[in-house]
Amino acid sequence: MNAKRKGDNSMLNHTYNDNSTHSVVMNPPCVGTLQKTHHKSKFKKFHANSQLASLVFSSNPRMADKGYEIVVLQIMCFGDNEFLMEYVDKKEWEE
């Protein structure tokens, strides 16, 4: 799972593609707030060029290479290519 980021070095117009039929396009800037939407969800901050970004924006979102699958509920872009994500374990989502 080697997701590639296409686009310029700014935080605008990033496309994440994991060489399958799945891709994620981010077109920030975003304005607003994130509210917790699931009672078991968690928040995680990460950079657009991090390994975690490659895992989150893949066709099988995960928190680590061999980690558990997650459901991404919402993402906010802020700062210098930073994301704040609300996520929940896929098992807890399906309960």
PDB file of N, CA and C in Angstrom:
ATOM      1  N   MET A   1       0.850  -1.159   0.000  1.00  0.00           N
ATOM      2  CA  MET A   1       0.000   0.000   0.000  1.00  0.00           C
ATOM      3  C   MET A   1       0.901   1.227   0.000  1.00  0.00           C
ATOM      4  N   ASN A   2       1.304   1.668  -1.152  1.00  0.00           N
ATOM      5  CA  ASN A   2       2.155   2.838  -1.276  1.00  0.00           C
ATOM      6  C   ASN A   2       1.371   3.961  -1.902  1.00  0.00           C
ATOM      7  N   ALA A   3       0.603   4.643  -1.091  1.00  0.00           N
ATOM      8  CA  ALA A   3      -0.218   5.743  -1.602  1.00  0.00           C
ATOM      9  C   ALA A   3       0.687   6.881  -2.039  1.00  0.00           C
ATOM     10  N   LYS A   4       0.365   7.491  -3.117  1.00  0.00           N
ATOM     11  CA  LYS A   4       1.133   8.604  -3.661  1.00  0.00           C
ATOM     12  C   LYS A   4       0.318   9.870  -3.550  1.00  0.00           C
ATOM     13  N   ARG A   5       0.989  10.970  -3.221  1.00  0.00           N
ATOM     14  CA  ARG A   5       0.339  12.258  -3.165  1.00  0.00           C
ATOM     15  C   ARG A   5       0.718  13.023  -4.420  1.00  0.00           C
ATOM     16  N   LYS A   6      -0.277  13.500  -5.136  1.00  0.00           N
ATOM     17  CA  LYS A   6      -0.064  14.306  -6.323  1.00  0.00           C
ATOM     18  C   LYS A   6      -0.455  15.729  -6.008  1.00  0.00           C
ATOM     19  N   GLY A   7       0.165  16.661  -6.662  1.00  0.00           N
ATOM     20  CA  GLY A   7      -0.207  18.052  -6.451  1.00  0.00           C
ATOM     21  C   GLY A   7       0.994  18.884  -6.078  1.00  0.00           C
ATOM     22  N   ASP A   8       0.771  20.151  -5.868  1.00  0.00           N
ATOM     23  CA  ASP A   8       1.866  21.039  -5.528  1.00  0.00           C
ATOM     24  C   ASP A   8       2.188  20.925  -4.050  1.00  0.00           C
ATOM     25  N   ASN A   9       3.112  21.755  -3.576  1.00  0.00           N
ATOM     26  CA  ASN A   9       3.535  21.686  -2.187  1.00  0.00           C
ATOM     27  C   ASN A   9       2.640  22.464  -1.253  1.00  0.00           C
ATOM     28  N   SER A  10       1.645  23.147  -1.769  1.00  0.00           N
ATOM     29  CA  SER A  10       0.728  23.862  -0.895  1.00  0.00           C
ATOM     30  C   SER A  10      -0.303  22.891  -0.355  1.00  0.00           C
ATOM     31  N   MET A  11      -1.172  23.363   0.557  1.00  0.00           N
ATOM     32  CA  MET A  11      -2.188  22.464   1.098  1.00  0.00           C
ATOM     33  C   MET A  11      -3.410  22.383   0.195  1.00  0.00           C
ATOM     34  N   LEU A  12      -3.383  22.995  -0.961  1.00  0.00           N
ATOM     35  CA  LEU A  12      -4.528  22.975  -1.857  1.00  0.00           C
ATOM     36  C   LEU A  12      -4.400  21.861  -2.879  1.00  0.00           C
ATOM     37  N   ASN A  13      -5.538  21.263  -3.204  1.00  0.00           N
ATOM     38  CA  ASN A  13      -5.661  20.319  -4.313  1.00  0.00           C
ATOM     39  C   ASN A  13      -4.737  19.112  -4.233  1.00  0.00           C
ATOM     40  N   HIS A  14      -4.801  18.361  -3.140  1.00  0.00           N
ATOM     41  CA  HIS A  14      -4.043  17.123  -3.008  1.00  0.00           C
ATOM     42  C   HIS A  14      -4.909  15.956  -3.453  1.00  0.00           C
ATOM     43  N   THR A  15      -4.313  15.021  -4.175  1.00  0.00           N
ATOM     44  CA  THR A  15      -4.993  13.783  -4.531  1.00  0.00           C
ATOM     45  C   THR A  15      -4.179  12.625  -3.974  1.00  0.00           C
ATOM     46  N   TYR A  16      -4.823  11.744  -3.225  1.00  0.00           N
ATOM     47  CA  TYR A  16      -4.175  10.561  -2.685  1.00  0.00           C
ATOM     48  C   TYR A  16      -4.697   9.373  -3.469  1.00  0.00           C
ATOM     49  N   ASN A  17      -3.790   8.546  -3.982  1.00  0.00           N
ATOM     50  CA  ASN A  17      -4.175   7.413  -4.801  1.00  0.00           C
ATOM     51  C   ASN A  17      -3.341   6.218  -4.375  1.00  0.00           C
ATOM     52  N   ASP A  18      -3.975   5.095  -4.074  1.00  0.00           N
ATOM     53  CA  ASP A  18      -3.236   3.910  -3.625  1.00  0.00           C
ATOM     54  C   ASP A  18      -3.127   2.857  -4.732  1.00  0.00           C
ATOM     55  N   ASN A  19      -3.108   3.294  -5.987  1.00  0.00           N
ATOM     56  CA  ASN A  19      -2.939   2.415  -7.149  1.00  0.00           C
ATOM     57  C   ASN A  19      -4.083   1.421  -7.313  1.00  0.00           C
ATOM     58  N   SER A  20      -5.247   1.750  -6.788  1.00  0.00           N
ATOM     59  CA  SER A  20      -6.438   0.939  -7.024  1.00  0.00           C
ATOM     60  C   SER A  20      -7.485   1.870  -7.619  1.00  0.00           C
ATOM     61  N   THR A  21      -8.718   1.500  -7.523  1.00  0.00           N
ATOM     62  CA  THR A  21      -9.778   2.366  -8.056  1.00  0.00           C
ATOM     63  C   THR A  21     -10.180   3.436  -7.058  1.00  0.00           C
ATOM     64  N   HIS A  22      -9.543   3.449  -5.899  1.00  0.00           N
ATOM     65  CA  HIS A  22      -9.890   4.373  -4.818  1.00  0.00           C
ATOM     66  C   HIS A  22      -8.939   5.568  -4.820  1.00  0.00           C
ATOM     67  N   SER A  23      -9.477   6.762  -4.734  1.00  0.00           N
ATOM     68  CA  SER A  23      -8.649   7.943  -4.530  1.00  0.00           C
ATOM     69  C   SER A  23      -9.424   8.948  -3.701  1.00  0.00           C
ATOM     70  N   VAL A  24      -8.696   9.805  -3.033  1.00  0.00           N
ATOM     71  CA  VAL A  24      -9.283  10.834  -2.193  1.00  0.00           C
ATOM     72  C   VAL A  24      -8.743  12.165  -2.667  1.00  0.00           C
ATOM     73  N   VAL A  25      -9.626  13.100  -2.917  1.00  0.00           N
ATOM     74  CA  VAL A  25      -9.211  14.433  -3.340  1.00  0.00           C
ATOM     75  C   VAL A  25      -9.559  15.407  -2.239  1.00  0.00           C
ATOM     76  N   MET A  26      -8.581  16.175  -1.808  1.00  0.00           N
ATOM     77  CA  MET A  26      -8.778  17.182  -0.770  1.00  0.00           C
ATOM     78  C   MET A  26      -8.693  18.550  -1.428  1.00  0.00           C
ATOM     79  N   ASN A  27      -9.704  19.362  -1.271  1.00  0.00           N
ATOM     80  CA  ASN A  27      -9.730  20.707  -1.829  1.00  0.00           C
ATOM     81  C   ASN A  27     -10.004  21.733  -0.734  1.00  0.00           C
ATOM     82  N   PRO A  28      -9.038  21.917   0.181  1.00  0.00           N
ATOM     83  CA  PRO A  28      -9.248  22.894   1.236  1.00  0.00           C
ATOM     84  C   PRO A  28      -9.080  24.312   0.699  1.00  0.00           C
ATOM     85  N   PRO A  29      -9.195  25.371   1.372  1.00  0.00           N
ATOM     86  CA  PRO A  29      -9.235  25.455   2.817  1.00  0.00           C
ATOM     87  C   PRO A  29     -10.619  25.192   3.376  1.00  0.00           C
ATOM     88  N   CYS A  30     -10.633  24.754   4.613  1.00  0.00           N
ATOM     89  CA  CYS A  30     -11.878  24.462   5.322  1.00  0.00           C
ATOM     90  C   CYS A  30     -12.084  25.505   6.415  1.00  0.00           C
ATOM     91  N   VAL A  31     -13.299  25.789   6.674  1.00  0.00           N
ATOM     92  CA  VAL A  31     -13.620  26.732   7.736  1.00  0.00           C
ATOM     93  C   VAL A  31     -14.665  26.072   8.626  1.00  0.00           C
ATOM     94  N   GLY A  32     -14.483  26.163   9.922  1.00  0.00           N
ATOM     95  CA  GLY A  32     -15.482  25.612  10.820  1.00  0.00           C
ATOM     96  C   GLY A  32     -14.860  24.837  11.952  1.00  0.00           C
ATOM     97  N   THR A  33     -15.653  23.984  12.548  1.00  0.00           N
ATOM     98  CA  THR A  33     -15.210  23.182  13.683  1.00  0.00           C
ATOM     99  C   THR A  33     -15.593  21.729  13.456  1.00  0.00           C
ATOM    100  N   LEU A  34     -14.915  20.863  14.169  1.00  0.00           N
ATOM    101  CA  LEU A  34     -15.278  19.449  14.175  1.00  0.00           C
ATOM    102  C   LEU A  34     -16.002  19.163  15.479  1.00  0.00           C
ATOM    103  N   GLN A  35     -17.074  18.426  15.375  1.00  0.00           N
ATOM    104  CA  GLN A  35     -17.779  17.968  16.566  1.00  0.00           C
ATOM    105  C   GLN A  35     -17.747  16.456  16.583  1.00  0.00           C
ATOM    106  N   LYS A  36     -17.610  15.905  17.761  1.00  0.00           N
ATOM    107  CA  LYS A  36     -17.606  14.451  17.910  1.00  0.00           C
ATOM    108  C   LYS A  36     -18.952  13.908  17.444  1.00  0.00           C
ATOM    109  N   THR A  37     -18.911  12.948  16.508  1.00  0.00           N
ATOM    110  CA  THR A  37     -20.149  12.444  15.922  1.00  0.00           C
ATOM    111  C   THR A  37     -20.471  11.000  16.318  1.00  0.00           C
ATOM    112  N   HIS A  38     -19.540  10.322  16.977  1.00  0.00           N
ATOM    113  CA  HIS A  38     -19.760   8.936  17.403  1.00  0.00           C
ATOM    114  C   HIS A  38     -19.223   8.795  18.819  1.00  0.00           C
ATOM    115  N   HIS A  39     -19.962   8.120  19.676  1.00  0.00           N
ATOM    116  CA  HIS A  39     -19.571   8.050  21.090  1.00  0.00           C
ATOM    117  C   HIS A  39     -18.243   7.340  21.335  1.00  0.00           C
ATOM    118  N   LYS A  40     -17.763   6.519  20.387  1.00  0.00           N
ATOM    119  CA  LYS A  40     -16.483   5.829  20.556  1.00  0.00           C
ATOM    120  C   LYS A  40     -15.402   6.371  19.627  1.00  0.00           C
ATOM    121  N   SER A  41     -15.659   7.482  18.972  1.00  0.00           N
ATOM    122  CA  SER A  41     -14.672   8.021  18.035  1.00  0.00           C
ATOM    123  C   SER A  41     -13.517   8.686  18.753  1.00  0.00           C
ATOM    124  N   LYS A  42     -12.410   8.838  18.018  1.00  0.00           N
ATOM    125  CA  LYS A  42     -11.198   9.488  18.517  1.00  0.00           C
ATOM    126  C   LYS A  42     -10.753  10.508  17.480  1.00  0.00           C
ATOM    127  N   PHE A  43      -9.864  11.397  17.902  1.00  0.00           N
ATOM    128  CA  PHE A  43      -9.304  12.399  17.000  1.00  0.00           C
ATOM    129  C   PHE A  43      -7.807  12.180  16.873  1.00  0.00           C
ATOM    130  N   LYS A  44      -7.281  12.457  15.686  1.00  0.00           N
ATOM    131  CA  LYS A  44      -5.848  12.312  15.434  1.00  0.00           C
ATOM    132  C   LYS A  44      -5.400  13.430  14.505  1.00  0.00           C
ATOM    133  N   LYS A  45      -4.299  14.067  14.846  1.00  0.00           N
ATOM    134  CA  LYS A  45      -3.685  15.106  14.010  1.00  0.00           C
ATOM    135  C   LYS A  45      -2.510  14.483  13.266  1.00  0.00           C
ATOM    136  N   PHE A  46      -2.372  14.780  11.967  1.00  0.00           N
ATOM    137  CA  PHE A  46      -1.243  14.263  11.196  1.00  0.00           C
ATOM    138  C   PHE A  46      -0.945  15.176  10.017  1.00  0.00           C
ATOM    139  N   HIS A  47       0.237  15.039   9.470  1.00  0.00           N
ATOM    140  CA  HIS A  47       0.696  15.856   8.350  1.00  0.00           C
ATOM    141  C   HIS A  47       0.357  15.169   7.032  1.00  0.00           C
ATOM    142  N   ALA A  48       0.130  15.972   6.000  1.00  0.00           N
ATOM    143  CA  ALA A  48      -0.247  15.440   4.681  1.00  0.00           C
ATOM    144  C   ALA A  48       0.832  14.553   4.075  1.00  0.00           C
ATOM    145  N   ASN A  49       2.091  14.773   4.427  1.00  0.00           N
ATOM    146  CA  ASN A  49       3.191  13.982   3.852  1.00  0.00           C
ATOM    147  C   ASN A  49       3.632  12.844   4.764  1.00  0.00           C
ATOM    148  N   SER A  50       2.858  12.534   5.784  1.00  0.00           N
ATOM    149  CA  SER A  50       3.236  11.480   6.734  1.00  0.00           C
ATOM    150  C   SER A  50       2.821  10.094   6.230  1.00  0.00           C
ATOM    151  N   GLN A  51       3.417   9.095   6.850  1.00  0.00           N
ATOM    152  CA  GLN A  51       3.025   7.703   6.557  1.00  0.00           C
ATOM    153  C   GLN A  51       1.560   7.482   6.921  1.00  0.00           C
ATOM    154  N   LEU A  52       1.118   8.110   7.996  1.00  0.00           N
ATOM    155  CA  LEU A  52      -0.272   7.959   8.414  1.00  0.00           C
ATOM    156  C   LEU A  52      -1.233   8.473   7.341  1.00  0.00           C
ATOM    157  N   ALA A  53      -0.886   9.565   6.665  1.00  0.00           N
ATOM    158  CA  ALA A  53      -1.739  10.079   5.585  1.00  0.00           C
ATOM    159  C   ALA A  53      -1.898   9.030   4.488  1.00  0.00           C
ATOM    160  N   SER A  54      -0.810   8.353   4.150  1.00  0.00           N
ATOM    161  CA  SER A  54      -0.885   7.294   3.130  1.00  0.00           C
ATOM    162  C   SER A  54      -1.816   6.175   3.559  1.00  0.00           C
ATOM    163  N   LEU A  55      -1.809   5.840   4.847  1.00  0.00           N
ATOM    164  CA  LEU A  55      -2.665   4.774   5.350  1.00  0.00           C
ATOM    165  C   LEU A  55      -4.122   5.212   5.457  1.00  0.00           C
ATOM    166  N   VAL A  56      -4.342   6.422   5.914  1.00  0.00           N
ATOM    167  CA  VAL A  56      -5.709   6.927   6.092  1.00  0.00           C
ATOM    168  C   VAL A  56      -6.412   7.121   4.760  1.00  0.00           C
ATOM    169  N   PHE A  57      -5.692   7.621   3.758  1.00  0.00           N
ATOM    170  CA  PHE A  57      -6.300   7.912   2.463  1.00  0.00           C
ATOM    171  C   PHE A  57      -6.203   6.748   1.482  1.00  0.00           C
ATOM    172  N   SER A  58      -5.987   5.540   1.981  1.00  0.00           N
ATOM    173  CA  SER A  58      -5.941   4.357   1.118  1.00  0.00           C
ATOM    174  C   SER A  58      -7.337   3.752   0.996  1.00  0.00           C
ATOM    175  N   SER A  59      -7.463   2.721   0.195  1.00  0.00           N
ATOM    176  CA  SER A  59      -8.768   2.060   0.040  1.00  0.00           C
ATOM    177  C   SER A  59      -9.139   1.254   1.282  1.00  0.00           C
ATOM    178  N   ASN A  60      -8.171   0.981   2.151  1.00  0.00           N
ATOM    179  CA  ASN A  60      -8.369   0.266   3.416  1.00  0.00           C
ATOM    180  C   ASN A  60      -7.826   1.126   4.551  1.00  0.00           C
ATOM    181  N   PRO A  61      -8.533   2.154   4.981  1.00  0.00           N
ATOM    182  CA  PRO A  61      -7.979   3.068   5.988  1.00  0.00           C
ATOM    183  C   PRO A  61      -7.575   2.344   7.272  1.00  0.00           C
ATOM    184  N   ARG A  62      -6.360   2.632   7.743  1.00  0.00           N
ATOM    185  CA  ARG A  62      -5.806   2.015   8.944  1.00  0.00           C
ATOM    186  C   ARG A  62      -5.012   3.045   9.722  1.00  0.00           C
ATOM    187  N   MET A  63      -4.711   2.717  10.974  1.00  0.00           N
ATOM    188  CA  MET A  63      -3.883   3.594  11.798  1.00  0.00           C
ATOM    189  C   MET A  63      -2.414   3.189  11.767  1.00  0.00           C
ATOM    190  N   ALA A  64      -2.101   1.997  11.277  1.00  0.00           N
ATOM    191  CA  ALA A  64      -0.723   1.524  11.159  1.00  0.00           C
ATOM    192  C   ALA A  64      -0.688   0.477  10.057  1.00  0.00           C
ATOM    193  N   ASP A  65       0.529   0.130   9.575  1.00  0.00           N
ATOM    194  CA  ASP A  65       0.658  -0.826   8.475  1.00  0.00           C
ATOM    195  C   ASP A  65      -0.148  -2.099   8.687  1.00  0.00           C
ATOM    196  N   LYS A  66      -0.059  -2.671   9.851  1.00  0.00           N
ATOM    197  CA  LYS A  66      -0.798  -3.902  10.141  1.00  0.00           C
ATOM    198  C   LYS A  66      -1.828  -3.659  11.230  1.00  0.00           C
ATOM    199  N   GLY A  67      -2.264  -2.433  11.344  1.00  0.00           N
ATOM    200  CA  GLY A  67      -3.210  -2.052  12.384  1.00  0.00           C
ATOM    201  C   GLY A  67      -4.643  -2.362  12.002  1.00  0.00           C
ATOM    202  N   TYR A  68      -5.520  -2.029  12.920  1.00  0.00           N
ATOM    203  CA  TYR A  68      -6.940  -2.286  12.712  1.00  0.00           C
ATOM    204  C   TYR A  68      -7.528  -1.308  11.698  1.00  0.00           C
ATOM    205  N   GLU A  69      -8.578  -1.752  10.998  1.00  0.00           N
ATOM    206  CA  GLU A  69      -9.258  -0.890  10.038  1.00  0.00           C
ATOM    207  C   GLU A  69     -10.056   0.176  10.774  1.00  0.00           C
ATOM    208  N   ILE A  70     -10.148   1.344  10.151  1.00  0.00           N
ATOM    209  CA  ILE A  70     -10.905   2.444  10.749  1.00  0.00           C
ATOM    210  C   ILE A  70     -11.932   2.967   9.759  1.00  0.00           C
ATOM    211  N   VAL A  71     -12.898   3.676  10.276  1.00  0.00           N
ATOM    212  CA  VAL A  71     -13.852   4.425   9.469  1.00  0.00           C
ATOM    213  C   VAL A  71     -13.561   5.896   9.753  1.00  0.00           C
ATOM    214  N   VAL A  72     -13.229   6.641   8.704  1.00  0.00           N
ATOM    215  CA  VAL A  72     -12.955   8.067   8.854  1.00  0.00           C
ATOM    216  C   VAL A  72     -14.288   8.797   8.788  1.00  0.00           C
ATOM    217  N   LEU A  73     -14.616   9.504   9.854  1.00  0.00           N
ATOM    218  CA  LEU A  73     -15.900  10.187   9.939  1.00  0.00           C
ATOM    219  C   LEU A  73     -15.827  11.596   9.358  1.00  0.00           C
ATOM    220  N   GLN A  74     -14.744  12.300   9.630  1.00  0.00           N
ATOM    221  CA  GLN A  74     -14.576  13.645   9.087  1.00  0.00           C
ATOM    222  C   GLN A  74     -13.117  14.059   9.227  1.00  0.00           C
ATOM    223  N   ILE A  75     -12.710  14.970   8.350  1.00  0.00           N
ATOM    224  CA  ILE A  75     -11.342  15.490   8.362  1.00  0.00           C
ATOM    225  C   ILE A  75     -11.397  16.992   8.143  1.00  0.00           C
ATOM    226  N   MET A  76     -10.549  17.694   8.881  1.00  0.00           N
ATOM    227  CA  MET A  76     -10.416  19.135   8.692  1.00  0.00           C
ATOM    228  C   MET A  76      -8.947  19.433   8.374  1.00  0.00           C
ATOM    229  N   CYS A  77      -8.723  20.288   7.396  1.00  0.00           N
ATOM    230  CA  CYS A  77      -7.380  20.733   7.039  1.00  0.00           C
ATOM    231  C   CYS A  77      -7.101  22.042   7.760  1.00  0.00           C
ATOM    232  N   PHE A  78      -5.875  22.204   8.231  1.00  0.00           N
ATOM    233  CA  PHE A  78      -5.511  23.458   8.885  1.00  0.00           C
ATOM    234  C   PHE A  78      -3.999  23.607   8.853  1.00  0.00           C
ATOM    235  N   GLY A  79      -3.523  24.808   9.155  1.00  0.00           N
ATOM    236  CA  GLY A  79      -2.091  25.047   9.255  1.00  0.00           C
ATOM    237  C   GLY A  79      -1.356  24.725   7.971  1.00  0.00           C
ATOM    238  N   ASP A  80      -0.151  24.217   8.128  1.00  0.00           N
ATOM    239  CA  ASP A  80       0.721  23.897   6.999  1.00  0.00           C
ATOM    240  C   ASP A  80       0.607  22.413   6.673  1.00  0.00           C
ATOM    241  N   ASN A  81      -0.372  22.065   5.848  1.00  0.00           N
ATOM    242  CA  ASN A  81      -0.590  20.678   5.420  1.00  0.00           C
ATOM    243  C   ASN A  81      -0.904  19.735   6.577  1.00  0.00           C
ATOM    244  N   GLU A  82      -1.618  20.210   7.560  1.00  0.00           N
ATOM    245  CA  GLU A  82      -2.011  19.391   8.701  1.00  0.00           C
ATOM    246  C   GLU A  82      -3.482  19.005   8.575  1.00  0.00           C
ATOM    247  N   PHE A  83      -3.801  17.812   9.074  1.00  0.00           N
ATOM    248  CA  PHE A  83      -5.172  17.324   9.095  1.00  0.00           C
ATOM    249  C   PHE A  83      -5.558  16.983  10.532  1.00  0.00           C
ATOM    250  N   LEU A  84      -6.814  17.202  10.856  1.00  0.00           N
ATOM    251  CA  LEU A  84      -7.395  16.715  12.101  1.00  0.00           C
ATOM    252  C   LEU A  84      -8.528  15.787  11.691  1.00  0.00           C
ATOM    253  N   MET A  85      -8.415  14.525  12.090  1.00  0.00           N
ATOM    254  CA  MET A  85      -9.345  13.494  11.645  1.00  0.00           C
ATOM    255  C   MET A  85     -10.121  12.947  12.834  1.00  0.00           C
ATOM    256  N   GLU A  86     -11.418  12.746  12.630  1.00  0.00           N
ATOM    257  CA  GLU A  86     -12.219  11.983  13.579  1.00  0.00           C
ATOM    258  C   GLU A  86     -12.400  10.598  12.967  1.00  0.00           C
ATOM    259  N   TYR A  87     -12.108   9.574  13.745  1.00  0.00           N
ATOM    260  CA  TYR A  87     -12.213   8.205  13.241  1.00  0.00           C
ATOM    261  C   TYR A  87     -12.736   7.286  14.334  1.00  0.00           C
ATOM    262  N   VAL A  88     -13.168   6.113  13.899  1.00  0.00           N
ATOM    263  CA  VAL A  88     -13.627   5.090  14.832  1.00  0.00           C
ATOM    264  C   VAL A  88     -13.184   3.728  14.298  1.00  0.00           C
ATOM    265  N   ASP A  89     -12.900   2.812  15.197  1.00  0.00           N
ATOM    266  CA  ASP A  89     -12.552   1.440  14.823  1.00  0.00           C
ATOM    267  C   ASP A  89     -13.708   0.861  14.007  1.00  0.00           C
ATOM    268  N   LYS A  90     -13.394   0.204  12.909  1.00  0.00           N
ATOM    269  CA  LYS A  90     -14.444  -0.328  12.037  1.00  0.00           C
ATOM    270  C   LYS A  90     -15.354  -1.306  12.775  1.00  0.00           C
ATOM    271  N   LYS A  91     -14.824  -2.090  13.694  1.00  0.00           N
ATOM    272  CA  LYS A  91     -15.643  -3.040  14.464  1.00  0.00           C
ATOM    273  C   LYS A  91     -16.676  -2.296  15.320  1.00  0.00           C
ATOM    274  N   GLU A  92     -16.236  -1.195  15.921  1.00  0.00           N
ATOM    275  CA  GLU A  92     -17.158  -0.417  16.746  1.00  0.00           C
ATOM    276  C   GLU A  92     -18.200   0.308  15.889  1.00  0.00           C
ATOM    277  N   TRP A  93     -17.833   0.697  14.693  1.00  0.00           N
ATOM    278  CA  TRP A  93     -18.767   1.353  13.775  1.00  0.00           C
ATOM    279  C   TRP A  93     -19.886   0.394  13.363  1.00  0.00           C
ATOM    280  N   GLU A  94     -19.529  -0.871  13.165  1.00  0.00           N
ATOM    281  CA  GLU A  94     -20.498  -1.851  12.673  1.00  0.00           C
ATOM    282  C   GLU A  94     -21.369  -2.432  13.785  1.00  0.00           C
ATOM    283  N   GLU A  95     -21.120  -2.077  15.041  1.00  0.00           N
ATOM    284  CA  GLU A  95     -21.928  -2.582  16.161  1.00  0.00           C
ATOM    285  C   GLU A  95     -23.322  -2.000  16.122  1.00  0.00           C
TER     286      GLU A  95
END
